[in-house]
């Protein structure tokens, strides 16, 4: 993925074409104001994928921290509790 750097005024002058470009090509646009980076524009689908990846990384880090601290639950107990929870939910929703 490549980054382009544009001033805010350059972006505003050609926003529609630039938005089409980042949709069609994996890229981001770094917008500057008064010579300083102020914002990043990227395709929404790419943003969503990155956010989902960050959530997964956070969950993995939390799981590792739980394991190191000894906060573990037997897999059989977890699945049994989930089955019980979902069976209770589906019968009351019907």
C-alpha atoms as a PDB file:
ATOM      1  CA  UNK A   1       0.000   0.000   0.000  1.00  0.00           C
ATOM      2  CA  UNK A   2       1.393   3.356  -0.956  1.00  0.00           C
ATOM      3  CA  UNK A   3       0.827   6.754   0.612  1.00  0.00           C
ATOM      4  CA  UNK A   4       0.473  10.013  -1.264  1.00  0.00           C
ATOM      5  CA  UNK A   5       0.998  13.337   0.467  1.00  0.00           C
ATOM      6  CA  UNK A   6      -1.221  16.232  -0.601  1.00  0.00           C
ATOM      7  CA  UNK A   7      -2.159  19.567   0.833  1.00  0.00           C
ATOM      8  CA  UNK A   8      -5.745  19.919   1.946  1.00  0.00           C
ATOM      9  CA  UNK A   9      -6.393  22.449  -0.828  1.00  0.00           C
ATOM     10  CA  UNK A  10      -4.999  20.052  -3.468  1.00  0.00           C
ATOM     11  CA  UNK A  11      -7.266  17.319  -2.128  1.00  0.00           C
ATOM     12  CA  UNK A  12     -10.339  19.556  -2.106  1.00  0.00           C
ATOM     13  CA  UNK A  13      -9.707  20.607  -5.714  1.00  0.00           C
ATOM     14  CA  UNK A  14      -9.717  16.986  -6.932  1.00  0.00           C
ATOM     15  CA  UNK A  15     -11.499  15.074  -4.154  1.00  0.00           C
ATOM     16  CA  UNK A  16     -13.871  13.012  -6.305  1.00  0.00           C
ATOM     17  CA  UNK A  17     -11.107  11.623  -8.538  1.00  0.00           C
ATOM     18  CA  UNK A  18      -8.810  10.991  -5.587  1.00  0.00           C
ATOM     19  CA  UNK A  19     -11.528   9.093  -3.713  1.00  0.00           C
ATOM     20  CA  UNK A  20     -12.110   6.938  -6.800  1.00  0.00           C
ATOM     21  CA  UNK A  21      -8.363   6.299  -6.978  1.00  0.00           C
ATOM     22  CA  UNK A  22      -8.054   5.081  -3.391  1.00  0.00           C
ATOM     23  CA  UNK A  23     -11.104   2.861  -3.903  1.00  0.00           C
ATOM     24  CA  UNK A  24      -9.552   1.255  -6.999  1.00  0.00           C
ATOM     25  CA  UNK A  25      -5.920   1.077  -5.821  1.00  0.00           C
ATOM     26  CA  UNK A  26      -4.781   0.158  -2.323  1.00  0.00           C
ATOM     27  CA  UNK A  27      -3.432   3.488  -1.137  1.00  0.00           C
ATOM     28  CA  UNK A  28      -3.853   6.221   1.423  1.00  0.00           C
ATOM     29  CA  UNK A  29      -3.620   9.962   1.115  1.00  0.00           C
ATOM     30  CA  UNK A  30      -1.926  11.933   3.864  1.00  0.00           C
ATOM     31  CA  UNK A  31      -3.421  15.424   3.964  1.00  0.00           C
ATOM     32  CA  UNK A  32      -1.308  18.319   5.119  1.00  0.00           C
ATOM     33  CA  UNK A  33      -2.340  21.701   6.439  1.00  0.00           C
ATOM     34  CA  UNK A  34       0.214  24.463   6.866  1.00  0.00           C
ATOM     35  CA  UNK A  35       2.926  21.952   5.968  1.00  0.00           C
ATOM     36  CA  UNK A  36       2.030  19.449   8.702  1.00  0.00           C
ATOM     37  CA  UNK A  37       0.295  16.090   8.385  1.00  0.00           C
ATOM     38  CA  UNK A  38      -3.279  16.508   9.656  1.00  0.00           C
ATOM     39  CA  UNK A  39      -5.366  13.572   8.394  1.00  0.00           C
ATOM     40  CA  UNK A  40      -5.311  10.351   6.416  1.00  0.00           C
ATOM     41  CA  UNK A  41      -7.898   9.407   3.792  1.00  0.00           C
ATOM     42  CA  UNK A  42      -8.288   5.764   2.832  1.00  0.00           C
ATOM     43  CA  UNK A  43     -10.856   3.427   1.333  1.00  0.00           C
ATOM     44  CA  UNK A  44     -13.524   2.508   3.883  1.00  0.00           C
ATOM     45  CA  UNK A  45     -13.237  -1.249   3.209  1.00  0.00           C
ATOM     46  CA  UNK A  46      -9.476  -1.073   3.893  1.00  0.00           C
ATOM     47  CA  UNK A  47     -10.175   0.871   7.090  1.00  0.00           C
ATOM     48  CA  UNK A  48     -12.659  -1.787   8.236  1.00  0.00           C
ATOM     49  CA  UNK A  49     -10.198  -4.619   7.542  1.00  0.00           C
ATOM     50  CA  UNK A  50      -7.498  -2.865   9.546  1.00  0.00           C
ATOM     51  CA  UNK A  51      -9.863  -2.201  12.453  1.00  0.00           C
ATOM     52  CA  UNK A  52     -10.938  -5.872  12.480  1.00  0.00           C
ATOM     53  CA  UNK A  53      -7.301  -6.950  12.489  1.00  0.00           C
ATOM     54  CA  UNK A  54      -6.612  -4.648  15.446  1.00  0.00           C
ATOM     55  CA  UNK A  55      -9.547  -6.126  17.363  1.00  0.00           C
ATOM     56  CA  UNK A  56      -8.176  -9.624  16.751  1.00  0.00           C
ATOM     57  CA  UNK A  57      -4.713  -8.553  17.926  1.00  0.00           C
ATOM     58  CA  UNK A  58      -6.192  -7.057  21.093  1.00  0.00           C
ATOM     59  CA  UNK A  59      -8.114 -10.286  21.766  1.00  0.00           C
ATOM     60  CA  UNK A  60      -4.965 -12.347  21.238  1.00  0.00           C
ATOM     61  CA  UNK A  61      -2.973 -10.109  23.596  1.00  0.00           C
ATOM     62  CA  UNK A  62      -5.715 -10.340  26.224  1.00  0.00           C
ATOM     63  CA  UNK A  63      -5.813 -14.127  25.849  1.00  0.00           C
ATOM     64  CA  UNK A  64      -2.055 -14.377  26.289  1.00  0.00           C
ATOM     65  CA  UNK A  65      -2.197 -12.137  29.353  1.00  0.00           C
ATOM     66  CA  UNK A  66      -5.012 -14.269  30.806  1.00  0.00           C
ATOM     67  CA  UNK A  67      -3.018 -17.464  30.182  1.00  0.00           C
ATOM     68  CA  UNK A  68       0.110 -16.000  31.830  1.00  0.00           C
ATOM     69  CA  UNK A  69      -1.975 -14.945  34.840  1.00  0.00           C
ATOM     70  CA  UNK A  70      -3.546 -18.394  35.120  1.00  0.00           C
ATOM     71  CA  UNK A  71      -7.043 -17.217  34.186  1.00  0.00           C
ATOM     72  CA  UNK A  72      -7.904 -20.359  32.229  1.00  0.00           C
ATOM     73  CA  UNK A  73     -11.120 -22.299  31.700  1.00  0.00           C
ATOM     74  CA  UNK A  74     -11.426 -25.826  30.373  1.00  0.00           C
ATOM     75  CA  UNK A  75     -12.566 -25.845  26.735  1.00  0.00           C
ATOM     76  CA  UNK A  76     -15.339 -28.365  27.445  1.00  0.00           C
ATOM     77  CA  UNK A  77     -16.799 -26.058  30.097  1.00  0.00           C
ATOM     78  CA  UNK A  78     -16.699 -23.072  27.748  1.00  0.00           C
ATOM     79  CA  UNK A  79     -18.542 -24.906  24.968  1.00  0.00           C
ATOM     80  CA  UNK A  80     -21.075 -26.373  27.387  1.00  0.00           C
ATOM     81  CA  UNK A  81     -21.838 -22.899  28.748  1.00  0.00           C
ATOM     82  CA  UNK A  82     -22.176 -21.515  25.219  1.00  0.00           C
ATOM     83  CA  UNK A  83     -24.520 -24.342  24.178  1.00  0.00           C
ATOM     84  CA  UNK A  84     -26.647 -23.737  27.260  1.00  0.00           C
ATOM     85  CA  UNK A  85     -26.706 -19.995  26.623  1.00  0.00           C
ATOM     86  CA  UNK A  86     -27.657 -20.342  22.938  1.00  0.00           C
ATOM     87  CA  UNK A  87     -30.299 -22.993  23.620  1.00  0.00           C
ATOM     88  CA  UNK A  88     -31.843 -20.780  26.269  1.00  0.00           C
ATOM     89  CA  UNK A  89     -31.767 -17.780  23.885  1.00  0.00           C
ATOM     90  CA  UNK A  90     -33.247 -19.596  20.886  1.00  0.00           C
ATOM     91  CA  UNK A  91     -36.119 -21.155  22.850  1.00  0.00           C
ATOM     92  CA  UNK A  92     -37.173 -17.810  24.338  1.00  0.00           C
ATOM     93  CA  UNK A  93     -36.855 -16.063  20.936  1.00  0.00           C
ATOM     94  CA  UNK A  94     -39.129 -18.567  19.176  1.00  0.00           C
END
